[in-house]
Amino acid sequence: MNKNINEERIMKRRGVKVYFDNEDMDFNLMWALGNSSAGGAELGECMRVASQIKDGDPESWVDEWTKAGQRLEAQAQAAEGAHHLVSAREAYLRAFSYYHIGTLSARPQDKRLAENWRRGASCFQKAGALFDPPIVPIEVPFQSFPLHGYFMPALSEASKAPTLIYVTGGEGWAENAYFWVGAGRSRGYNIVAVDLPYHVGSRLRYPELPLKNATEGIDAPLKAVIDYTVQRPDVDLDRVALIGFSF
């Protein structure tokens, strides 16, 4: 018996159309717009980029979001050079977001995937250094490939704070934690976010990482992240939680 393709879908991504007929593009545009609440996007910028993209064309998607990332990165550098550090931080955050969104339609062999990841991560780290207290890069020991991520300290005076460990899906980057759960900092939570072996960041950082290690499971690397977290002197050991998001 033939079924309508819509009836066979395991997951429906959207209930309303924002801009694109292509559902993947429209979903990813919503992802970009969702970063706005944490300073990772502006509505006008996103819709301007969308207006330059050919609906359903992944090449034009990558091109236009990459240009947006480059434009915001240049603005951030100019602001930082003029010692306008708040403006620099805000522009670096949006630059990261646009570089990241651009990779969502990049083919694995596309050189822009690695380049956008590199420049996006750099922008996020520059933004992180301009927070008070700063968001700091961390490395979690794990086998022969340390896991890269971030410690985002709570915005409180407490010497020890409850801590949230964030795990994204395979399509995500550790940096995404700031836009998804970073608001916890103003509510007294530390945030720990790390790229696990199967995440995009780990695959690009360690191209020699055996695929078996990247797909063998979440338990071992997550245990390493938990061990790292509970050894920190600024973590309240009685209040550590884990949260994850994915497609």
C-alpha atoms as a PDB file:
ATOM      1  CA  MET A   1       0.000   0.000   0.000  1.00  0.00           C
ATOM      2  CA  ASN A   2       1.359   3.387  -0.971  1.00  0.00           C
ATOM      3  CA  LYS A   3       1.424   6.030   1.721  1.00  0.00           C
ATOM      4  CA  ASN A   4       1.736   9.747   1.433  1.00  0.00           C
ATOM      5  CA  ILE A   5       5.336  10.728   2.211  1.00  0.00           C
ATOM      6  CA  ASN A   6       4.098  13.077   4.943  1.00  0.00           C
ATOM      7  CA  GLU A   7       2.485  10.115   6.720  1.00  0.00           C
ATOM      8  CA  GLU A   8       5.795   8.234   6.748  1.00  0.00           C
ATOM      9  CA  ARG A   9       7.818  10.948   8.413  1.00  0.00           C
ATOM     10  CA  ILE A  10       9.256  10.007  11.756  1.00  0.00           C
ATOM     11  CA  MET A  11       9.772  13.640  12.703  1.00  0.00           C
ATOM     12  CA  LYS A  12       8.070  16.790  11.459  1.00  0.00           C
ATOM     13  CA  ARG A  13      10.378  19.750  11.817  1.00  0.00           C
ATOM     14  CA  ARG A  14       8.056  22.704  11.548  1.00  0.00           C
ATOM     15  CA  GLY A  15       4.479  23.718  11.986  1.00  0.00           C
ATOM     16  CA  VAL A  16       4.712  27.060  10.198  1.00  0.00           C
ATOM     17  CA  LYS A  17       6.814  28.433   7.367  1.00  0.00           C
ATOM     18  CA  VAL A  18       9.144  31.318   8.205  1.00  0.00           C
ATOM     19  CA  TYR A  19      10.630  32.086   4.786  1.00  0.00           C
ATOM     20  CA  PHE A  20      11.896  29.136   2.708  1.00  0.00           C
ATOM     21  CA  ASP A  21       9.893  26.451   0.925  1.00  0.00           C
ATOM     22  CA  ASN A  22      12.781  24.058   1.567  1.00  0.00           C
ATOM     23  CA  GLU A  23      12.053  22.668   5.018  1.00  0.00           C
ATOM     24  CA  ASP A  24      15.697  22.087   5.980  1.00  0.00           C
ATOM     25  CA  MET A  25      16.576  25.687   5.176  1.00  0.00           C
ATOM     26  CA  ASP A  26      13.524  27.017   6.942  1.00  0.00           C
ATOM     27  CA  PHE A  27      14.277  24.933  10.042  1.00  0.00           C
ATOM     28  CA  ASN A  28      17.883  26.161  10.095  1.00  0.00           C
ATOM     29  CA  LEU A  29      16.736  29.752   9.626  1.00  0.00           C
ATOM     30  CA  MET A  30      14.544  29.273  12.701  1.00  0.00           C
ATOM     31  CA  TRP A  31      17.614  27.943  14.495  1.00  0.00           C
ATOM     32  CA  ALA A  32      19.499  31.132  13.615  1.00  0.00           C
ATOM     33  CA  LEU A  33      16.606  33.350  14.699  1.00  0.00           C
ATOM     34  CA  GLY A  34      16.341  31.433  17.957  1.00  0.00           C
ATOM     35  CA  ASN A  35      19.855  32.564  18.870  1.00  0.00           C
ATOM     36  CA  SER A  36      18.640  36.170  18.979  1.00  0.00           C
ATOM     37  CA  SER A  37      17.465  35.934  22.593  1.00  0.00           C
ATOM     38  CA  ALA A  38      21.077  35.332  23.653  1.00  0.00           C
ATOM     39  CA  GLY A  39      22.602  37.889  21.293  1.00  0.00           C
ATOM     40  CA  GLY A  40      23.543  35.407  18.581  1.00  0.00           C
ATOM     41  CA  ALA A  41      21.458  36.926  15.795  1.00  0.00           C
ATOM     42  CA  GLU A  42      19.477  39.971  14.731  1.00  0.00           C
ATOM     43  CA  LEU A  43      16.194  39.610  12.877  1.00  0.00           C
ATOM     44  CA  GLY A  44      17.041  42.151  10.187  1.00  0.00           C
ATOM     45  CA  GLU A  45      20.460  40.621   9.514  1.00  0.00           C
ATOM     46  CA  CYS A  46      19.041  37.106   9.259  1.00  0.00           C
ATOM     47  CA  MET A  47      16.225  38.074   6.916  1.00  0.00           C
ATOM     48  CA  ARG A  48      18.635  40.047   4.746  1.00  0.00           C
ATOM     49  CA  VAL A  49      20.821  36.951   4.431  1.00  0.00           C
ATOM     50  CA  ALA A  50      17.760  34.802   3.697  1.00  0.00           C
ATOM     51  CA  SER A  51      16.694  37.167   0.906  1.00  0.00           C
ATOM     52  CA  GLN A  52      20.035  36.553  -0.859  1.00  0.00           C
ATOM     53  CA  ILE A  53      19.758  32.753  -0.752  1.00  0.00           C
ATOM     54  CA  LYS A  54      18.291  30.699  -3.585  1.00  0.00           C
ATOM     55  CA  ASP A  55      15.618  28.515  -2.009  1.00  0.00           C
ATOM     56  CA  GLY A  56      16.793  24.902  -1.873  1.00  0.00           C
ATOM     57  CA  ASP A  57      20.341  25.659  -3.071  1.00  0.00           C
ATOM     58  CA  PRO A  58      22.911  24.582  -0.445  1.00  0.00           C
ATOM     59  CA  GLU A  59      25.746  26.379  -2.237  1.00  0.00           C
ATOM     60  CA  SER A  60      24.066  29.763  -1.956  1.00  0.00           C
ATOM     61  CA  TRP A  61      23.158  29.011   1.683  1.00  0.00           C
ATOM     62  CA  VAL A  62      26.794  28.421   2.607  1.00  0.00           C
ATOM     63  CA  ASP A  63      27.957  31.420   0.573  1.00  0.00           C
ATOM     64  CA  GLU A  64      25.574  33.951   2.092  1.00  0.00           C
ATOM     65  CA  TRP A  65      25.917  32.891   5.721  1.00  0.00           C
ATOM     66  CA  THR A  66      29.699  32.791   5.326  1.00  0.00           C
ATOM     67  CA  LYS A  67      29.630  36.361   3.998  1.00  0.00           C
ATOM     68  CA  ALA A  68      27.485  37.383   6.962  1.00  0.00           C
ATOM     69  CA  GLY A  69      29.959  35.800   9.365  1.00  0.00           C
ATOM     70  CA  GLN A  70      32.857  37.555   7.682  1.00  0.00           C
ATOM     71  CA  ARG A  71      31.010  40.882   7.774  1.00  0.00           C
ATOM     72  CA  LEU A  72      30.253  40.605  11.504  1.00  0.00           C
ATOM     73  CA  GLU A  73      33.754  39.375  12.299  1.00  0.00           C
ATOM     74  CA  ALA A  74      35.198  42.468  10.587  1.00  0.00           C
ATOM     75  CA  GLN A  75      32.819  44.698  12.567  1.00  0.00           C
ATOM     76  CA  ALA A  76      33.871  42.983  15.789  1.00  0.00           C
ATOM     77  CA  GLN A  77      37.559  43.432  15.027  1.00  0.00           C
ATOM     78  CA  ALA A  78      37.037  47.116  14.253  1.00  0.00           C
ATOM     79  CA  ALA A  79      35.071  47.632  17.467  1.00  0.00           C
ATOM     80  CA  GLU A  80      37.673  45.808  19.521  1.00  0.00           C
ATOM     81  CA  GLY A  81      40.429  47.866  17.945  1.00  0.00           C
ATOM     82  CA  ALA A  82      38.580  51.027  18.973  1.00  0.00           C
ATOM     83  CA  HIS A  83      38.118  49.623  22.522  1.00  0.00           C
ATOM     84  CA  HIS A  84      34.337  49.368  22.121  1.00  0.00           C
ATOM     85  CA  LEU A  85      34.386  46.027  23.891  1.00  0.00           C
ATOM     86  CA  VAL A  86      30.645  45.515  24.382  1.00  0.00           C
ATOM     87  CA  SER A  87      30.013  46.107  20.694  1.00  0.00           C
ATOM     88  CA  ALA A  88      32.920  43.813  19.839  1.00  0.00           C
ATOM     89  CA  ARG A  89      31.552  41.027  22.043  1.00  0.00           C
ATOM     90  CA  GLU A  90      28.084  41.314  20.531  1.00  0.00           C
ATOM     91  CA  ALA A  91      29.416  41.265  16.963  1.00  0.00           C
ATOM     92  CA  TYR A  92      31.703  38.307  17.669  1.00  0.00           C
ATOM     93  CA  LEU A  93      28.731  36.325  19.026  1.00  0.00           C
ATOM     94  CA  ARG A  94      26.687  36.986  15.912  1.00  0.00           C
ATOM     95  CA  ALA A  95      29.671  36.214  13.680  1.00  0.00           C
ATOM     96  CA  PHE A  96      30.007  32.837  15.383  1.00  0.00           C
ATOM     97  CA  SER A  97      26.316  32.130  14.941  1.00  0.00           C
ATOM     98  CA  TYR A  98      26.321  32.972  11.234  1.00  0.00           C
ATOM     99  CA  TYR A  99      29.451  30.945  10.529  1.00  0.00           C
ATOM    100  CA  HIS A 100      27.867  27.991  12.324  1.00  0.00           C
ATOM    101  CA  ILE A 101      24.511  28.253  10.546  1.00  0.00           C
ATOM    102  CA  GLY A 102      26.362  28.376   7.231  1.00  0.00           C
ATOM    103  CA  THR A 103      27.916  24.959   7.841  1.00  0.00           C
ATOM    104  CA  LEU A 104      24.544  23.237   8.192  1.00  0.00           C
ATOM    105  CA  SER A 105      24.235  22.923   4.402  1.00  0.00           C
ATOM    106  CA  ALA A 106      27.927  22.352   3.683  1.00  0.00           C
ATOM    107  CA  ARG A 107      28.920  19.055   2.129  1.00  0.00           C
ATOM    108  CA  PRO A 108      31.529  17.056   4.099  1.00  0.00           C
ATOM    109  CA  GLN A 109      34.181  17.661   1.440  1.00  0.00           C
ATOM    110  CA  ASP A 110      33.482  21.418   1.282  1.00  0.00           C
ATOM    111  CA  LYS A 111      36.560  23.282   2.522  1.00  0.00           C
ATOM    112  CA  ARG A 112      34.279  25.969   3.936  1.00  0.00           C
ATOM    113  CA  LEU A 113      33.040  23.510   6.560  1.00  0.00           C
ATOM    114  CA  ALA A 114      36.405  23.409   8.333  1.00  0.00           C
ATOM    115  CA  GLU A 115      37.118  27.090   7.664  1.00  0.00           C
ATOM    116  CA  ASN A 116      33.787  28.273   9.039  1.00  0.00           C
ATOM    117  CA  TRP A 117      34.215  26.039  12.057  1.00  0.00           C
ATOM    118  CA  ARG A 118      37.695  27.448  12.703  1.00  0.00           C
ATOM    119  CA  ARG A 119      36.653  31.079  12.281  1.00  0.00           C
ATOM    120  CA  GLY A 120      33.403  30.575  14.160  1.00  0.00           C
ATOM    121  CA  ALA A 121      35.116  28.987  17.151  1.00  0.00           C
ATOM    122  CA  SER A 122      37.706  31.773  17.132  1.00  0.00           C
ATOM    123  CA  CYS A 123      34.968  34.421  17.165  1.00  0.00           C
ATOM    124  CA  PHE A 124      33.203  32.705  20.048  1.00  0.00           C
ATOM    125  CA  GLN A 125      36.402  32.521  22.071  1.00  0.00           C
ATOM    126  CA  LYS A 126      37.087  36.211  21.449  1.00  0.00           C
ATOM    127  CA  ALA A 127      33.556  37.027  22.592  1.00  0.00           C
ATOM    128  CA  GLY A 128      33.979  34.773  25.614  1.00  0.00           C
ATOM    129  CA  ALA A 129      37.093  36.641  26.703  1.00  0.00           C
ATOM    130  CA  LEU A 130      35.083  39.883  26.773  1.00  0.00           C
ATOM    131  CA  PHE A 131      32.532  38.628  29.313  1.00  0.00           C
ATOM    132  CA  ASP A 132      32.895  39.323  33.030  1.00  0.00           C
ATOM    133  CA  PRO A 133      33.674  36.754  34.266  1.00  0.00           C
ATOM    134  CA  PRO A 134      35.024  35.371  30.988  1.00  0.00           C
ATOM    135  CA  ILE A 135      33.937  32.185  29.272  1.00  0.00           C
ATOM    136  CA  VAL A 136      37.071  30.060  29.170  1.00  0.00           C
ATOM    137  CA  PRO A 137      38.113  27.230  26.818  1.00  0.00           C
ATOM    138  CA  ILE A 138      38.797  23.912  28.543  1.00  0.00           C
ATOM    139  CA  GLU A 139      40.237  20.541  27.603  1.00  0.00           C
ATOM    140  CA  VAL A 140      38.955  17.344  29.197  1.00  0.00           C
ATOM    141  CA  PRO A 141      41.442  14.445  29.212  1.00  0.00           C
ATOM    142  CA  PHE A 142      40.065  11.489  27.262  1.00  0.00           C
ATOM    143  CA  GLN A 143      42.102   8.655  25.762  1.00  0.00           C
ATOM    144  CA  SER A 144      44.604  10.142  23.299  1.00  0.00           C
ATOM    145  CA  PHE A 145      42.290  12.947  22.132  1.00  0.00           C
ATOM    146  CA  PRO A 146      41.424  15.602  24.745  1.00  0.00           C
ATOM    147  CA  LEU A 147      37.877  16.877  24.453  1.00  0.00           C
ATOM    148  CA  HIS A 148      37.589  20.601  23.768  1.00  0.00           C
ATOM    149  CA  GLY A 149      34.891  22.755  25.300  1.00  0.00           C
ATOM    150  CA  TYR A 150      34.055  25.664  27.580  1.00  0.00           C
ATOM    151  CA  PHE A 151      33.474  26.516  31.204  1.00  0.00           C
ATOM    152  CA  MET A 152      30.899  29.284  31.528  1.00  0.00           C
ATOM    153  CA  PRO A 153      30.979  30.511  35.144  1.00  0.00           C
ATOM    154  CA  ALA A 154      27.859  31.499  37.027  1.00  0.00           C
ATOM    155  CA  LEU A 155      27.172  35.202  37.379  1.00  0.00           C
ATOM    156  CA  SER A 156      27.124  35.072  41.165  1.00  0.00           C
ATOM    157  CA  GLU A 157      29.363  35.734  44.150  1.00  0.00           C
ATOM    158  CA  ALA A 158      29.172  32.139  45.396  1.00  0.00           C
ATOM    159  CA  SER A 159      32.465  30.282  45.662  1.00  0.00           C
ATOM    160  CA  LYS A 160      30.715  27.085  44.514  1.00  0.00           C
ATOM    161  CA  ALA A 161      27.750  27.036  42.152  1.00  0.00           C
ATOM    162  CA  PRO A 162      25.329  24.412  40.846  1.00  0.00           C
ATOM    163  CA  THR A 163      26.536  23.240  37.461  1.00  0.00           C
ATOM    164  CA  LEU A 164      24.812  22.188  34.271  1.00  0.00           C
ATOM    165  CA  ILE A 165      26.624  19.873  31.848  1.00  0.00           C
ATOM    166  CA  TYR A 166      25.362  20.429  28.308  1.00  0.00           C
ATOM    167  CA  VAL A 167      25.519  17.857  25.497  1.00  0.00           C
ATOM    168  CA  THR A 168      24.446  18.672  21.966  1.00  0.00           C
ATOM    169  CA  GLY A 169      23.593  16.313  19.135  1.00  0.00           C
ATOM    170  CA  GLY A 170      26.048  15.229  16.477  1.00  0.00           C
ATOM    171  CA  GLU A 171      25.199  18.284  14.377  1.00  0.00           C
ATOM    172  CA  GLY A 172      25.992  20.738  17.179  1.00  0.00           C
ATOM    173  CA  TRP A 173      29.066  22.488  18.506  1.00  0.00           C
ATOM    174  CA  ALA A 174      30.020  23.014  22.154  1.00  0.00           C
ATOM    175  CA  GLU A 175      29.675  26.755  21.542  1.00  0.00           C
ATOM    176  CA  ASN A 176      25.936  26.308  20.956  1.00  0.00           C
ATOM    177  CA  ALA A 177      25.535  25.811  24.705  1.00  0.00           C
ATOM    178  CA  TYR A 178      25.744  29.560  25.266  1.00  0.00           C
ATOM    179  CA  PHE A 179      22.664  30.169  23.125  1.00  0.00           C
ATOM    180  CA  TRP A 180      20.674  27.184  24.411  1.00  0.00           C
ATOM    181  CA  VAL A 181      21.356  27.180  28.157  1.00  0.00           C
ATOM    182  CA  GLY A 182      23.679  30.138  28.767  1.00  0.00           C
ATOM    183  CA  ALA A 183      20.858  32.013  30.483  1.00  0.00           C
ATOM    184  CA  GLY A 184      21.500  29.677  33.410  1.00  0.00           C
ATOM    185  CA  ARG A 185      24.576  31.753  34.245  1.00  0.00           C
ATOM    186  CA  SER A 186      22.439  34.709  35.324  1.00  0.00           C
ATOM    187  CA  ARG A 187      20.426  32.284  37.462  1.00  0.00           C
ATOM    188  CA  GLY A 188      23.481  31.101  39.367  1.00  0.00           C
ATOM    189  CA  TYR A 189      24.544  28.078  37.319  1.00  0.00           C
ATOM    190  CA  ASN A 190      27.925  27.199  35.894  1.00  0.00           C
ATOM    191  CA  ILE A 191      27.749  25.687  32.400  1.00  0.00           C
ATOM    192  CA  VAL A 192      30.128  23.000  31.117  1.00  0.00           C
ATOM    193  CA  ALA A 193      29.920  22.213  27.391  1.00  0.00           C
ATOM    194  CA  VAL A 194      32.283  19.868  25.558  1.00  0.00           C
ATOM    195  CA  ASP A 195      32.548  18.436  22.040  1.00  0.00           C
ATOM    196  CA  LEU A 196      32.306  14.657  22.413  1.00  0.00           C
ATOM    197  CA  PRO A 197      34.136  12.395  19.915  1.00  0.00           C
ATOM    198  CA  TYR A 198      31.226  12.177  17.458  1.00  0.00           C
ATOM    199  CA  HIS A 199      30.595  15.934  17.371  1.00  0.00           C
ATOM    200  CA  VAL A 200      31.518  18.122  14.418  1.00  0.00           C
ATOM    201  CA  GLY A 201      34.141  20.039  16.406  1.00  0.00           C
ATOM    202  CA  SER A 202      35.999  16.875  17.414  1.00  0.00           C
ATOM    203  CA  ARG A 203      35.885  15.461  13.897  1.00  0.00           C
ATOM    204  CA  LEU A 204      37.346  18.667  12.462  1.00  0.00           C
ATOM    205  CA  ARG A 205      39.862  19.180  15.253  1.00  0.00           C
ATOM    206  CA  TYR A 206      41.138  15.604  15.013  1.00  0.00           C
ATOM    207  CA  PRO A 207      40.725  14.366  11.427  1.00  0.00           C
ATOM    208  CA  GLU A 208      42.912  11.385  12.354  1.00  0.00           C
ATOM    209  CA  LEU A 209      40.423  10.283  15.052  1.00  0.00           C
ATOM    210  CA  PRO A 210      39.345   6.738  14.144  1.00  0.00           C
ATOM    211  CA  LEU A 211      35.682   6.624  13.213  1.00  0.00           C
ATOM    212  CA  LYS A 212      35.195   3.748  15.668  1.00  0.00           C
ATOM    213  CA  ASN A 213      36.234   6.022  18.542  1.00  0.00           C
ATOM    214  CA  ALA A 214      33.868   8.702  17.360  1.00  0.00           C
ATOM    215  CA  THR A 215      30.836   6.426  17.298  1.00  0.00           C
ATOM    216  CA  GLU A 216      31.436   3.891  20.061  1.00  0.00           C
ATOM    217  CA  GLY A 217      29.070   5.579  22.469  1.00  0.00           C
ATOM    218  CA  ILE A 218      28.475   8.442  24.795  1.00  0.00           C
ATOM    219  CA  ASP A 219      29.133   6.789  28.169  1.00  0.00           C
ATOM    220  CA  ALA A 220      32.941   6.869  28.289  1.00  0.00           C
ATOM    221  CA  PRO A 221      33.490  10.442  27.057  1.00  0.00           C
ATOM    222  CA  LEU A 222      30.598  11.732  29.147  1.00  0.00           C
ATOM    223  CA  LYS A 223      32.091  10.081  32.229  1.00  0.00           C
ATOM    224  CA  ALA A 224      35.319  11.960  31.483  1.00  0.00           C
ATOM    225  CA  VAL A 225      33.381  15.247  31.311  1.00  0.00           C
ATOM    226  CA  ILE A 226      31.612  14.499  34.606  1.00  0.00           C
ATOM    227  CA  ASP A 227      34.923  13.581  36.266  1.00  0.00           C
ATOM    228  CA  TYR A 228      36.425  16.849  35.061  1.00  0.00           C
ATOM    229  CA  THR A 229      33.431  18.844  36.286  1.00  0.00           C
ATOM    230  CA  VAL A 230      33.278  17.472  39.810  1.00  0.00           C
ATOM    231  CA  GLN A 231      37.003  18.075  40.310  1.00  0.00           C
ATOM    232  CA  ARG A 232      36.598  21.824  39.791  1.00  0.00           C
ATOM    233  CA  PRO A 233      36.748  23.854  43.036  1.00  0.00           C
ATOM    234  CA  ASP A 234      33.958  26.181  41.844  1.00  0.00           C
ATOM    235  CA  VAL A 235      31.404  23.374  41.385  1.00  0.00           C
ATOM    236  CA  ASP A 236      28.847  22.437  44.049  1.00  0.00           C
ATOM    237  CA  LEU A 237      29.138  18.644  44.034  1.00  0.00           C
ATOM    238  CA  ASP A 238      25.625  18.178  45.406  1.00  0.00           C
ATOM    239  CA  ARG A 239      24.061  20.050  42.498  1.00  0.00           C
ATOM    240  CA  VAL A 240      25.317  18.806  39.141  1.00  0.00           C
ATOM    241  CA  ALA A 241      22.829  18.117  36.342  1.00  0.00           C
ATOM    242  CA  LEU A 242      23.003  16.960  32.724  1.00  0.00           C
ATOM    243  CA  ILE A 243      20.928  18.274  29.833  1.00  0.00           C
ATOM    244  CA  GLY A 244      21.035  17.422  26.139  1.00  0.00           C
ATOM    245  CA  PHE A 245      19.455  18.508  22.862  1.00  0.00           C
ATOM    246  CA  SER A 246      19.491  16.961  19.399  1.00  0.00           C
ATOM    247  CA  PHE A 247      17.372  16.480  16.299  1.00  0.00           C
END
